[in-house]
N, C-alpha and C. Protein backbone atom coordinates (compact mmCIF):
# COMPACT_ATOMS: atom_id res chain seq x y z
N MET A 1 37.02 30.49 -14.27
CA MET A 1 36.40 30.43 -13.67
C MET A 1 35.72 29.45 -13.01
N PRO A 2 35.60 30.31 -12.18
CA PRO A 2 35.18 28.91 -11.00
C PRO A 2 34.27 28.17 -11.21
N ASN A 3 34.04 26.78 -10.57
CA ASN A 3 33.05 25.74 -10.63
C ASN A 3 32.10 26.65 -9.67
N LYS A 4 30.57 26.36 -10.56
CA LYS A 4 29.40 27.30 -9.36
C LYS A 4 28.65 26.01 -8.88
N THR A 5 28.22 26.26 -7.66
CA THR A 5 27.68 24.98 -6.66
C THR A 5 25.98 25.15 -6.86
N PHE A 6 25.40 24.65 -7.59
CA PHE A 6 23.92 24.40 -7.25
C PHE A 6 23.39 23.79 -6.11
N ALA A 7 22.64 24.18 -5.64
CA ALA A 7 21.28 23.18 -4.46
C ALA A 7 20.76 22.36 -5.17
N THR A 8 20.83 21.15 -4.49
CA THR A 8 19.33 20.89 -5.01
C THR A 8 18.53 20.87 -5.16
N ILE A 9 17.81 19.61 -5.71
CA ILE A 9 16.01 19.54 -5.46
C ILE A 9 15.86 18.64 -4.64
N PRO A 10 15.42 18.67 -3.20
CA PRO A 10 15.78 17.25 -2.21
C PRO A 10 14.23 16.72 -2.39
N THR A 11 14.30 15.17 -3.28
CA THR A 11 12.71 14.60 -3.47
C THR A 11 12.57 14.01 -2.44
N GLN A 12 10.79 13.71 -1.67
CA GLN A 12 10.43 13.23 -1.00
C GLN A 12 9.85 11.82 -0.80
N GLY A 13 10.31 11.34 -2.23
CA GLY A 13 8.75 9.97 -2.61
C GLY A 13 8.83 10.26 -4.20
N VAL A 14 8.23 9.05 -4.78
CA VAL A 14 7.51 8.90 -5.75
C VAL A 14 6.22 9.97 -5.77
N HIS A 15 6.03 10.71 -6.33
CA HIS A 15 4.29 11.36 -6.38
C HIS A 15 3.57 10.47 -7.29
N HIS A 16 4.24 9.83 -8.26
CA HIS A 16 2.92 9.54 -9.32
C HIS A 16 3.57 8.91 -10.69
N LEU A 17 3.57 7.74 -10.70
CA LEU A 17 3.46 6.58 -12.32
C LEU A 17 2.27 6.86 -13.14
N THR A 18 2.79 7.86 -14.38
CA THR A 18 1.42 7.68 -15.47
C THR A 18 1.82 7.02 -16.82
N LEU A 19 1.55 5.97 -17.05
CA LEU A 19 2.15 4.71 -18.02
C LEU A 19 0.81 4.83 -18.78
N VAL A 20 1.05 5.32 -20.40
CA VAL A 20 0.28 4.73 -21.48
C VAL A 20 0.07 3.04 -21.48
N GLY A 21 -0.90 3.60 -21.36
CA GLY A 21 -2.27 2.23 -21.63
C GLY A 21 -2.74 1.86 -22.66
N ALA A 22 -3.62 1.14 -22.94
CA ALA A 22 -4.89 0.32 -24.18
C ALA A 22 -5.85 1.31 -23.94
N SER A 23 -6.82 0.99 -24.17
CA SER A 23 -8.03 0.87 -23.69
C SER A 23 -8.58 1.17 -21.90
N ARG A 24 -9.64 1.68 -21.86
CA ARG A 24 -9.73 1.56 -20.50
C ARG A 24 -10.52 0.07 -20.15
N LYS A 25 -10.50 -0.88 -20.37
CA LYS A 25 -11.12 -1.74 -20.00
C LYS A 25 -9.73 -2.83 -19.71
N ILE A 26 -9.33 -2.93 -20.20
CA ILE A 26 -8.32 -3.70 -20.71
C ILE A 26 -6.96 -3.40 -20.03
N SER A 27 -6.63 -1.54 -19.16
CA SER A 27 -6.16 -1.12 -18.20
C SER A 27 -7.17 -1.29 -16.69
N ILE A 28 -8.07 -1.25 -17.02
CA ILE A 28 -8.97 -2.10 -15.09
C ILE A 28 -9.07 -3.33 -15.00
N ASP A 29 -9.30 -4.40 -16.23
CA ASP A 29 -8.76 -5.40 -16.73
C ASP A 29 -7.47 -5.60 -15.20
N PHE A 30 -6.58 -4.79 -16.49
CA PHE A 30 -5.37 -5.20 -15.63
C PHE A 30 -4.71 -4.66 -14.15
N TRP A 31 -4.79 -3.19 -14.08
CA TRP A 31 -4.53 -2.66 -13.29
C TRP A 31 -5.22 -3.08 -11.89
N GLN A 32 -6.56 -3.07 -12.29
CA GLN A 32 -7.60 -3.64 -11.22
C GLN A 32 -7.50 -4.96 -10.65
N GLY A 33 -7.81 -5.60 -12.24
CA GLY A 33 -8.49 -7.48 -12.22
C GLY A 33 -6.80 -8.13 -11.80
N VAL A 34 -6.14 -7.42 -12.33
CA VAL A 34 -5.03 -8.84 -12.28
C VAL A 34 -4.56 -8.44 -10.40
N LEU A 35 -4.12 -6.92 -10.50
CA LEU A 35 -3.74 -6.45 -10.07
C LEU A 35 -3.42 -6.11 -8.12
N GLY A 36 -5.31 -6.02 -8.03
CA GLY A 36 -5.72 -6.01 -7.22
C GLY A 36 -5.76 -4.22 -6.63
N MET A 37 -5.20 -3.63 -7.81
CA MET A 37 -4.87 -1.90 -7.09
C MET A 37 -6.86 -1.34 -7.72
N PRO A 38 -7.31 -0.63 -5.93
CA PRO A 38 -8.18 -0.16 -6.86
C PRO A 38 -8.54 1.45 -7.57
N PHE A 39 -9.24 0.96 -8.80
CA PHE A 39 -9.40 2.04 -9.47
C PHE A 39 -10.23 3.07 -8.83
N VAL A 40 -10.04 4.73 -8.19
CA VAL A 40 -9.63 5.22 -7.67
C VAL A 40 -10.70 5.95 -8.16
N PHE A 41 -10.44 7.40 -9.77
CA PHE A 41 -11.51 7.77 -10.19
C PHE A 41 -10.51 7.72 -11.37
N GLU A 42 -11.74 9.06 -12.44
CA GLU A 42 -11.09 8.76 -13.90
C GLU A 42 -11.54 9.98 -14.32
N GLN A 43 -10.78 10.78 -15.22
CA GLN A 43 -11.18 11.92 -15.52
C GLN A 43 -10.09 12.20 -17.14
N PRO A 44 -10.43 13.58 -17.62
CA PRO A 44 -9.99 14.08 -18.74
C PRO A 44 -8.63 13.40 -18.96
N ASN A 45 -8.07 13.29 -19.91
CA ASN A 45 -6.47 13.59 -20.39
C ASN A 45 -6.04 15.30 -20.27
N LEU A 46 -5.57 15.94 -19.00
CA LEU A 46 -6.64 17.38 -19.38
C LEU A 46 -5.44 18.21 -20.81
N ASP A 47 -4.14 17.38 -21.19
CA ASP A 47 -3.69 17.42 -22.19
C ASP A 47 -3.72 16.76 -23.80
N ASN A 48 -4.95 15.85 -23.51
CA ASN A 48 -4.79 15.48 -24.44
C ASN A 48 -6.63 14.50 -24.68
N ALA A 49 -7.43 16.03 -25.09
CA ALA A 49 -8.61 15.58 -25.65
C ALA A 49 -8.62 13.77 -25.72
N ASP A 50 -7.90 13.14 -26.69
CA ASP A 50 -8.47 12.06 -27.56
C ASP A 50 -8.54 11.01 -25.80
N GLU A 51 -7.49 11.36 -25.40
CA GLU A 51 -7.47 9.87 -23.61
C GLU A 51 -8.35 10.48 -22.74
N SER A 52 -8.43 9.74 -22.03
CA SER A 52 -8.97 9.64 -20.12
C SER A 52 -7.76 9.31 -20.09
N HIS A 53 -7.38 9.41 -18.18
CA HIS A 53 -6.87 9.80 -17.25
C HIS A 53 -7.21 8.58 -15.87
N LEU A 54 -7.30 6.85 -15.76
CA LEU A 54 -7.49 6.61 -14.83
C LEU A 54 -6.42 6.65 -13.67
N TYR A 55 -6.67 6.48 -13.20
CA TYR A 55 -6.36 6.67 -11.11
C TYR A 55 -6.25 5.22 -10.13
N PHE A 56 -4.85 4.87 -9.72
CA PHE A 56 -5.55 3.27 -9.42
C PHE A 56 -4.11 3.44 -8.42
N ASP A 57 -5.01 2.67 -6.97
CA ASP A 57 -3.81 2.49 -6.03
C ASP A 57 -3.07 1.54 -5.59
N PRO A 58 -1.90 1.27 -5.35
CA PRO A 58 -1.08 0.53 -5.58
C PRO A 58 -0.46 -0.14 -3.92
N GLY A 59 -1.37 0.80 -3.34
CA GLY A 59 -1.23 0.15 -2.02
C GLY A 59 -0.60 1.06 -0.88
N ASP A 60 0.58 2.13 -1.25
CA ASP A 60 1.16 2.86 -0.15
C ASP A 60 0.04 4.07 -0.28
N GLY A 61 -0.33 4.28 -0.55
CA GLY A 61 -1.62 5.64 -0.85
C GLY A 61 -0.88 6.73 -1.76
N ARG A 62 -0.12 6.14 -2.95
CA ARG A 62 0.24 7.26 -3.69
C ARG A 62 -0.61 6.72 -5.29
N LEU A 63 -0.40 6.88 -5.69
CA LEU A 63 -0.81 6.62 -7.10
C LEU A 63 -0.18 6.20 -9.01
N ILE A 64 -0.66 5.37 -9.31
CA ILE A 64 -0.46 5.26 -10.11
C ILE A 64 -1.47 4.95 -11.41
N THR A 65 -1.16 5.86 -12.30
CA THR A 65 -2.47 6.41 -13.50
C THR A 65 -1.87 6.58 -15.36
N ILE A 66 -2.83 5.75 -15.70
CA ILE A 66 -3.02 5.26 -16.94
C ILE A 66 -3.82 5.99 -17.76
N PHE A 67 -3.39 6.92 -19.12
CA PHE A 67 -3.66 7.51 -19.40
C PHE A 67 -4.57 6.34 -21.17
N THR A 68 -5.36 6.09 -21.23
CA THR A 68 -6.57 5.41 -22.49
C THR A 68 -6.48 5.73 -23.31
N ASP A 69 -6.99 5.37 -24.60
CA ASP A 69 -7.71 5.52 -25.85
C ASP A 69 -8.26 3.73 -25.81
N GLU A 70 -9.35 4.39 -26.44
CA GLU A 70 -10.00 3.23 -27.54
C GLU A 70 -9.63 2.82 -28.85
N LYS A 71 -8.58 3.74 -29.49
CA LYS A 71 -8.21 3.23 -29.82
C LYS A 71 -7.00 2.03 -29.92
N ARG A 72 -6.48 2.02 -29.10
CA ARG A 72 -5.78 1.16 -28.85
C ARG A 72 -5.82 0.26 -28.49
N LYS A 73 -4.82 -1.04 -28.62
CA LYS A 73 -5.62 -2.29 -27.99
C LYS A 73 -4.89 -3.06 -26.79
N ASP A 74 -5.34 -4.46 -26.94
CA ASP A 74 -3.69 -5.11 -26.16
C ASP A 74 -2.83 -5.38 -27.56
N ILE A 75 -1.56 -5.44 -27.22
CA ILE A 75 -0.55 -5.67 -28.05
C ILE A 75 0.50 -6.51 -28.11
N SER A 76 0.65 -6.70 -26.87
CA SER A 76 1.09 -7.71 -25.70
C SER A 76 2.40 -8.18 -26.60
N LYS A 77 3.12 -7.50 -27.11
CA LYS A 77 4.50 -7.13 -27.06
C LYS A 77 5.98 -6.36 -26.59
N LYS A 78 7.32 -6.71 -26.09
CA LYS A 78 7.80 -6.29 -25.49
C LYS A 78 7.76 -4.91 -25.84
N VAL A 79 8.64 -4.31 -24.72
CA VAL A 79 8.39 -2.82 -24.41
C VAL A 79 9.27 -2.41 -24.76
N SER A 80 10.52 -0.92 -25.61
CA SER A 80 11.93 -0.36 -25.80
C SER A 80 11.90 -0.75 -23.64
N GLN A 81 13.81 -1.50 -24.29
CA GLN A 81 14.50 -1.64 -23.07
C GLN A 81 15.90 -0.86 -23.54
N GLU A 82 15.31 0.23 -24.23
CA GLU A 82 16.69 1.56 -24.49
C GLU A 82 17.08 1.65 -23.82
N THR A 83 18.42 3.23 -24.19
CA THR A 83 18.42 3.82 -23.11
C THR A 83 17.47 4.79 -23.16
N GLY A 84 17.36 4.72 -21.82
CA GLY A 84 15.94 6.37 -21.92
C GLY A 84 14.87 5.62 -21.55
N ALA A 85 14.65 4.24 -21.12
CA ALA A 85 13.34 3.88 -21.24
C ALA A 85 12.93 3.02 -20.15
N VAL A 86 12.01 3.67 -19.51
CA VAL A 86 11.84 1.92 -18.68
C VAL A 86 12.24 0.64 -18.68
N HIS A 87 12.98 0.42 -18.20
CA HIS A 87 13.38 -1.24 -17.93
C HIS A 87 11.93 -2.14 -17.30
N HIS A 88 11.53 -1.44 -16.05
CA HIS A 88 10.74 -2.61 -15.74
C HIS A 88 9.78 -1.75 -14.31
N VAL A 89 8.49 -1.95 -13.83
CA VAL A 89 8.01 -1.62 -13.12
C VAL A 89 7.70 -1.91 -11.56
N ALA A 90 8.13 -2.20 -10.27
CA ALA A 90 8.10 -2.88 -9.69
C ALA A 90 7.37 -2.66 -8.28
N PHE A 91 6.68 -3.95 -8.12
CA PHE A 91 5.49 -3.32 -6.70
C PHE A 91 5.34 -4.49 -5.71
N GLU A 92 5.14 -3.66 -4.72
CA GLU A 92 5.76 -4.71 -3.20
C GLU A 92 4.67 -5.45 -3.36
N LEU A 93 4.99 -6.40 -2.37
CA LEU A 93 4.20 -7.89 -1.96
C LEU A 93 4.45 -7.90 -0.65
N SER A 94 3.47 -8.72 0.35
CA SER A 94 4.34 -9.42 1.34
C SER A 94 4.42 -10.69 0.62
N GLN A 95 5.61 -11.60 1.70
CA GLN A 95 5.87 -13.31 1.36
C GLN A 95 4.66 -13.36 1.24
N ALA A 96 3.67 -13.71 2.35
CA ALA A 96 2.32 -14.75 2.27
C ALA A 96 1.84 -14.63 0.98
N VAL A 97 1.19 -13.02 0.01
CA VAL A 97 1.26 -13.11 -1.28
C VAL A 97 2.33 -13.62 -2.52
N PHE A 98 2.88 -13.33 -1.92
CA PHE A 98 4.23 -13.35 -2.55
C PHE A 98 4.25 -14.91 -3.64
N GLU A 99 3.98 -16.09 -1.68
CA GLU A 99 4.31 -16.89 -2.08
C GLU A 99 2.72 -18.05 -2.95
N GLN A 100 2.31 -16.61 -3.83
CA GLN A 100 0.48 -17.57 -4.20
C GLN A 100 0.86 -17.69 -5.39
N VAL A 101 1.80 -16.48 -5.53
CA VAL A 101 2.02 -15.03 -6.54
C VAL A 101 1.95 -16.40 -8.31
N GLU A 102 2.00 -17.78 -7.94
CA GLU A 102 2.87 -18.32 -9.30
C GLU A 102 1.70 -18.57 -9.70
N GLY A 103 1.27 -19.16 -8.65
CA GLY A 103 -0.16 -20.05 -8.96
C GLY A 103 -0.85 -19.18 -9.10
N ARG A 104 -1.38 -17.41 -8.70
CA ARG A 104 -2.24 -16.61 -9.63
C ARG A 104 -1.74 -16.81 -11.17
N LEU A 105 -0.91 -16.82 -11.61
CA LEU A 105 -0.39 -15.61 -12.38
C LEU A 105 -0.92 -18.04 -13.42
N ARG A 106 -0.34 -18.89 -13.20
CA ARG A 106 -0.68 -19.69 -13.52
C ARG A 106 -2.71 -19.73 -14.31
N GLU A 107 -3.28 -19.28 -13.17
CA GLU A 107 -3.82 -19.18 -13.62
C GLU A 107 -4.99 -18.60 -14.58
N ARG A 108 -4.56 -17.57 -14.29
CA ARG A 108 -4.87 -16.33 -15.93
C ARG A 108 -3.65 -16.86 -17.28
N GLN A 109 -3.00 -17.98 -16.97
CA GLN A 109 -1.93 -18.21 -18.05
C GLN A 109 -1.37 -16.54 -18.83
N ILE A 110 -0.68 -16.07 -17.38
CA ILE A 110 0.15 -15.34 -17.48
C ILE A 110 1.33 -15.60 -17.97
N THR A 111 2.06 -15.36 -19.10
CA THR A 111 4.00 -16.46 -18.53
C THR A 111 4.84 -15.76 -17.58
N TYR A 112 5.04 -16.12 -16.83
CA TYR A 112 6.05 -15.51 -15.62
C TYR A 112 8.21 -16.39 -16.08
N THR A 113 8.35 -14.84 -15.64
CA THR A 113 9.43 -15.67 -15.19
C THR A 113 10.09 -15.42 -13.40
N GLY A 114 10.62 -16.45 -12.90
CA GLY A 114 11.42 -15.95 -11.46
C GLY A 114 9.94 -17.50 -11.18
N PRO A 115 9.69 -17.39 -9.32
CA PRO A 115 10.96 -16.07 -8.41
C PRO A 115 12.35 -16.14 -8.43
N LYS A 116 12.80 -15.29 -8.64
CA LYS A 116 14.15 -15.01 -8.49
C LYS A 116 14.85 -14.63 -7.48
N ASP A 117 15.81 -15.15 -6.66
CA ASP A 117 16.23 -14.57 -5.23
C ASP A 117 17.90 -13.92 -5.65
N ARG A 118 17.23 -12.32 -5.02
CA ARG A 118 18.02 -11.59 -5.28
C ARG A 118 19.55 -11.05 -3.91
N GLY A 119 19.04 -11.69 -3.22
CA GLY A 119 20.08 -11.85 -1.98
C GLY A 119 19.18 -11.20 -0.72
N PHE A 120 19.04 -9.56 -0.88
CA PHE A 120 17.69 -9.25 -0.09
C PHE A 120 16.49 -9.27 -0.38
N MET A 121 15.45 -9.66 -1.97
CA MET A 121 14.53 -9.60 -1.78
C MET A 121 14.24 -10.81 -2.94
N LYS A 122 13.05 -11.19 -3.17
CA LYS A 122 12.90 -11.83 -3.93
C LYS A 122 11.65 -11.73 -4.71
N SER A 123 11.41 -11.73 -6.40
CA SER A 123 11.21 -11.23 -7.37
C SER A 123 10.60 -11.75 -7.95
N ILE A 124 9.33 -11.79 -8.92
CA ILE A 124 8.79 -12.62 -9.77
C ILE A 124 8.24 -11.67 -10.91
N TYR A 125 8.62 -11.84 -11.88
CA TYR A 125 8.31 -11.30 -13.75
C TYR A 125 7.60 -11.37 -14.54
N PHE A 126 6.26 -10.81 -15.28
CA PHE A 126 5.91 -11.03 -15.73
C PHE A 126 5.09 -9.36 -16.89
N ARG A 127 5.01 -9.40 -18.07
CA ARG A 127 4.70 -8.06 -18.59
C ARG A 127 3.47 -7.71 -19.10
N ASP A 128 2.87 -6.69 -18.41
CA ASP A 128 1.31 -5.92 -18.96
C ASP A 128 0.76 -6.64 -20.38
N PRO A 129 -0.41 -6.17 -19.86
CA PRO A 129 -1.24 -6.21 -21.59
C PRO A 129 -0.66 -5.58 -23.49
N LEU A 130 0.49 -4.27 -22.09
CA LEU A 130 0.99 -3.88 -23.56
C LEU A 130 2.45 -3.87 -24.38
N GLY A 131 3.04 -5.03 -22.63
CA GLY A 131 4.29 -5.43 -22.83
C GLY A 131 5.40 -5.22 -21.83
N LEU A 132 5.33 -4.55 -20.96
CA LEU A 132 5.85 -3.17 -20.55
C LEU A 132 5.69 -4.27 -18.74
N LEU A 133 7.04 -4.66 -18.53
CA LEU A 133 7.62 -5.67 -17.26
C LEU A 133 7.59 -4.78 -16.14
N ILE A 134 6.70 -6.42 -15.76
CA ILE A 134 6.35 -5.80 -14.43
C ILE A 134 6.90 -6.59 -13.48
N GLU A 135 7.80 -5.98 -12.18
CA GLU A 135 7.80 -7.21 -11.24
C GLU A 135 7.21 -6.60 -9.59
N LEU A 136 7.49 -8.06 -9.32
CA LEU A 136 6.01 -7.77 -7.95
C LEU A 136 7.48 -9.04 -6.96
N ALA A 137 7.44 -8.21 -6.15
CA ALA A 137 8.62 -8.04 -5.28
C ALA A 137 7.67 -8.65 -3.57
N TYR A 138 9.13 -8.47 -2.85
CA TYR A 138 9.12 -8.68 -1.01
C TYR A 138 10.65 -8.74 -0.53
N TYR A 139 10.56 -8.03 0.22
CA TYR A 139 12.53 -7.92 1.27
C TYR A 139 12.36 -9.22 1.72
N THR A 140 13.56 -9.99 2.05
CA THR A 140 13.84 -10.76 2.89
C THR A 140 13.52 -10.35 3.91
N PHE A 141 13.63 -9.12 4.77
CA PHE A 141 14.05 -8.50 6.18
C PHE A 141 12.46 -7.58 6.70
N VAL A 142 12.59 -7.65 7.82
CA VAL A 142 11.83 -6.63 8.65
C VAL A 142 12.73 -5.22 8.47
N ILE A 143 11.41 -4.22 8.78
CA ILE A 143 13.18 -2.33 8.52
C ILE A 143 12.74 -2.01 10.16
N PRO A 144 13.71 -2.32 11.03
CA PRO A 144 14.40 -2.03 12.42
C PRO A 144 13.27 -0.24 12.73
N GLU A 145 12.48 -0.43 13.83
CA GLU A 145 11.19 0.63 13.83
C GLU A 145 12.02 2.15 13.88
N GLY A 146 11.97 2.84 12.92
CA GLY A 146 12.39 4.23 12.41
C GLY A 146 13.44 4.22 11.63
N SER A 147 13.35 2.97 11.06
CA SER A 147 14.67 2.91 9.96
C SER A 147 13.33 3.46 8.19
N ARG A 148 14.05 3.21 7.13
CA ARG A 148 13.35 2.92 6.24
C ARG A 148 14.78 1.92 5.40
N ILE A 149 13.93 1.60 4.59
CA ILE A 149 15.04 0.51 4.11
C ILE A 149 15.55 0.68 3.30
N ALA A 150 16.01 2.60 2.90
CA ALA A 150 17.09 2.93 2.38
C ALA A 150 18.41 2.76 3.51
N ASP A 151 17.87 2.83 5.12
CA ASP A 151 18.73 3.08 5.55
C ASP A 151 19.54 1.63 5.60
N VAL A 152 18.53 0.90 5.91
CA VAL A 152 19.13 -0.70 5.86
C VAL A 152 19.78 -1.09 4.63
N MET A 153 19.31 -0.72 3.31
CA MET A 153 20.50 -1.10 2.43
C MET A 153 21.64 -0.18 2.07
N ILE A 154 22.05 0.72 2.46
CA ILE A 154 23.67 1.62 2.58
C ILE A 154 24.63 0.74 3.25
N ARG A 155 23.84 0.62 4.80
CA ARG A 155 24.39 0.14 5.64
C ARG A 155 24.66 -1.23 4.93
N ALA A 156 23.84 -2.02 4.58
CA ALA A 156 24.30 -3.24 3.67
C ALA A 156 25.32 -3.55 2.42
N HIS A 157 25.34 -2.51 2.06
CA HIS A 157 26.12 -2.23 0.77
C HIS A 157 27.42 -1.66 1.63
N ARG A 158 27.55 -1.11 2.02
CA ARG A 158 29.23 -1.05 2.40
C ARG A 158 29.43 -1.78 3.33
N ILE A 159 28.78 -2.74 4.17
CA ILE A 159 28.97 -4.39 4.00
C ILE A 159 29.77 -5.45 3.60
N ARG A 160 29.20 -5.48 1.76
CA ARG A 160 29.24 -5.92 0.82
C ARG A 160 30.82 -5.96 0.18
N VAL A 161 30.65 -4.05 0.24
CA VAL A 161 32.41 -3.77 -0.23
C VAL A 161 32.82 -4.33 0.50
N SER A 162 32.71 -3.58 1.63
CA SER A 162 34.53 -4.17 2.87
C SER A 162 34.80 -5.93 2.94
N LYS A 163 34.03 -6.52 2.79
CA LYS A 163 33.68 -7.45 2.41
C LYS A 163 34.42 -8.20 1.52
N GLY A 164 33.92 -7.70 0.44
CA GLY A 164 34.20 -8.31 -0.88
C GLY A 164 32.98 -8.79 -2.21
N ALA A 165 32.13 -8.46 -1.60
CA ALA A 165 30.73 -9.86 -1.72
C ALA A 165 30.78 -9.13 -2.88
N TYR A 166 30.08 -10.04 -4.50
CA TYR A 166 29.33 -9.68 -5.30
C TYR A 166 28.13 -9.32 -5.35
N ASN A 167 27.69 -9.44 -4.29
CA ASN A 167 26.32 -8.50 -4.41
C ASN A 167 25.25 -8.84 -2.97
N ILE A 168 24.65 -7.75 -2.69
CA ILE A 168 24.33 -7.86 -1.00
C ILE A 168 23.19 -9.23 -0.93
N GLN A 169 23.72 -9.89 0.49
CA GLN A 169 23.09 -11.29 0.80
C GLN A 169 23.07 -10.98 1.97
N GLN A 170 22.44 -12.33 2.54
CA GLN A 170 21.69 -12.17 4.21
C GLN A 170 21.84 -11.63 5.14
N GLU A 171 23.16 -12.19 4.90
CA GLU A 171 24.18 -11.76 6.25
C GLU A 171 24.63 -10.58 6.11
N HIS A 172 24.72 -9.64 5.06
CA HIS A 172 25.03 -8.49 5.04
C HIS A 172 23.68 -7.58 5.74
N ILE A 173 22.69 -7.92 5.28
CA ILE A 173 21.44 -7.27 5.10
C ILE A 173 22.08 -8.06 7.44
N ALA A 174 21.97 -8.68 7.85
CA ALA A 174 21.90 -9.21 9.26
C ALA A 174 22.37 -8.08 10.15
N GLU A 175 24.00 -7.67 9.17
CA GLU A 175 24.11 -7.17 9.96
C GLU A 175 24.63 -6.17 10.01
N ALA A 176 23.80 -5.39 9.13
CA ALA A 176 23.42 -3.80 8.45
C ALA A 176 21.65 -3.83 9.45
N ILE A 177 21.19 -4.68 9.88
CA ILE A 177 20.30 -4.08 11.13
C ILE A 177 20.86 -4.58 12.71
N GLU A 178 21.41 -5.24 12.63
CA GLU A 178 22.38 -5.15 14.46
C GLU A 178 22.70 -3.92 14.54
N ASP A 179 23.38 -3.65 13.44
CA ASP A 179 23.84 -1.99 13.39
C ASP A 179 23.36 -0.55 13.01
N ILE A 180 22.14 -1.23 12.91
CA ILE A 180 20.62 -0.13 12.98
C ILE A 180 20.45 -0.50 15.14
N THR A 181 20.00 -1.49 15.30
CA THR A 181 19.26 -1.53 15.79
C THR A 181 20.34 -1.43 17.79
N SER A 182 21.53 -1.52 17.07
CA SER A 182 22.34 -1.28 18.70
C SER A 182 22.71 0.44 18.89
N GLN A 183 22.47 0.95 17.62
CA GLN A 183 22.33 2.29 17.86
C GLN A 183 20.79 3.05 19.16
N ARG A 184 20.82 1.91 19.15
CA ARG A 184 19.36 2.66 20.33
C ARG A 184 19.76 2.47 21.37
N ASP A 185 19.11 3.93 21.84
CA ASP A 185 19.43 4.31 23.54
C ASP A 185 18.97 3.12 24.73
N SER A 186 20.13 2.72 25.46
CA SER A 186 19.94 1.74 26.62
C SER A 186 20.47 2.10 27.72
N LEU A 187 20.58 1.72 28.21
CA LEU A 187 21.02 1.95 30.22
C LEU A 187 22.70 1.35 30.52
């Protein structure tokens, strides 16, 4: 029997993420109070009458939503990172804000790791009140006009592989950006 080819389901970005939170206060204190995400609106969880559904703006016009329940408290334990679990959620910052993050986390007595240099981005990690690993990161390059991060990264990956490098470094990003910008129309 011949293999049937199925059409893909093309996505156009992340619509929203929904996380299971603790109480309303703990959730608002963290997502708005620590991460500065405006609290946009609240309504009941339409699938569970015991929960509320809080909506926050992470800064890119999309939404992060949190299911809250007043019976759930701050449990401060590591969330499972087993197969099928969410390892971490990453949020983008500007370099200027990133350079302030360590001090701001220390002021709140939040334990963190990093900053870590990932070659094409820098990041710092800490846990939310329920133990979910949160990453704050910024790309160490400016995306060429009319391009996307993915356009730069796929080119940088190809360059890295062709050079036998272990991971993407600044030189690969620079070469990728040069490749993209060299394709602009010119006389």
